[in-house]
């Protein structure tokens, strides 16, 4: 392998020793194989290409302070992928197989896990797709499960950077009773046009309201919404159209551990003005603070452009300390590889 400048790593795809790949057909999964080439040969009639039979996950592996390598909450990602597979009529990947695949692919790529102290981690992307041909609208008869891995750096070089956000009332991310609560590529495809429009106009992220009434906060294009009240209360939306975020669940648990009140409920748009801290939360960065939210002519200033609120800072640092093994993992979240 070529020498890597660990501290200059960005957040994007890079070559490694390969990925792991399993195939399901005739009602069973094969034993899987490690594959060097980052390409997949499949039938042009594959159901993932025509009918969107696909789902994915995102998680990280860390080189910890004690020298061991651990994945953060992989069982939660395995469970969420199983729920998504059921919703998209694909064969669920058993947890045992998911974890074994993770071990095999990480062990084959241990040299690509950024060393402790560099601020980096190994990003893990499990992918489940319909690869069997299916021209009529129906599930495929063959599926492929893949885990690809890549070293990534700290998402924000030099520390967390608050961002501006926009709300568009002419685009929705997920329909009521649709598929917003599962991790399928279609949800992200639905947000791409709005996301690119927002970026071109100076907003790095966009926030979606509920598609039915546009009265309640749902989530950002790629991550869940968190609002912190002046008294420290942690508030996040309760909606069947929001993806159950592993990071959000982690942060809620830690907030409660730290003595903060936690509320999962509907959040009226008007309530945003009452929050002293707002953030998007997800695997890539844990929390991305939002300092300003624009909706039409209305601009809501949450805080100063360079301010990271004390509660968000503490939550972010606590998660990172657990992931890198700097403080005890009292919830058993870290899975040794």
Foldseek 3Di string as FASTA:
>chain_A
DDDDPLLPFAPDDDAFQFKKKWKDFPHDIDLIDGDRDPDDDFDPQFCCVPPVLKFKDKWWWAQAPVRFIWTFQVLVRLVQQQVQCVVSVHHRDDPVSSVVRVVVGCVRGVVQARHPPSQKTKMKMWMKGGRAGDPPPDGHRMIMIMIDIGIGHANDPPDFFAFAEEEEPVAAQAAAVGPLQHGTCSSLVSCVVVCVVCVVVRGNWYWYAHNPPSFWTAQISVFFKWFAAPVGEIEGEDGPNHHPAPLVVLLQVVSVVVPHHYYYYTHTPVCNLRGLWMWGAHNRNGTHTYQWYYYVPDIRGNHDRGDDDPSNVVSSVVVVCPSNVVDDPPPPRIGTD
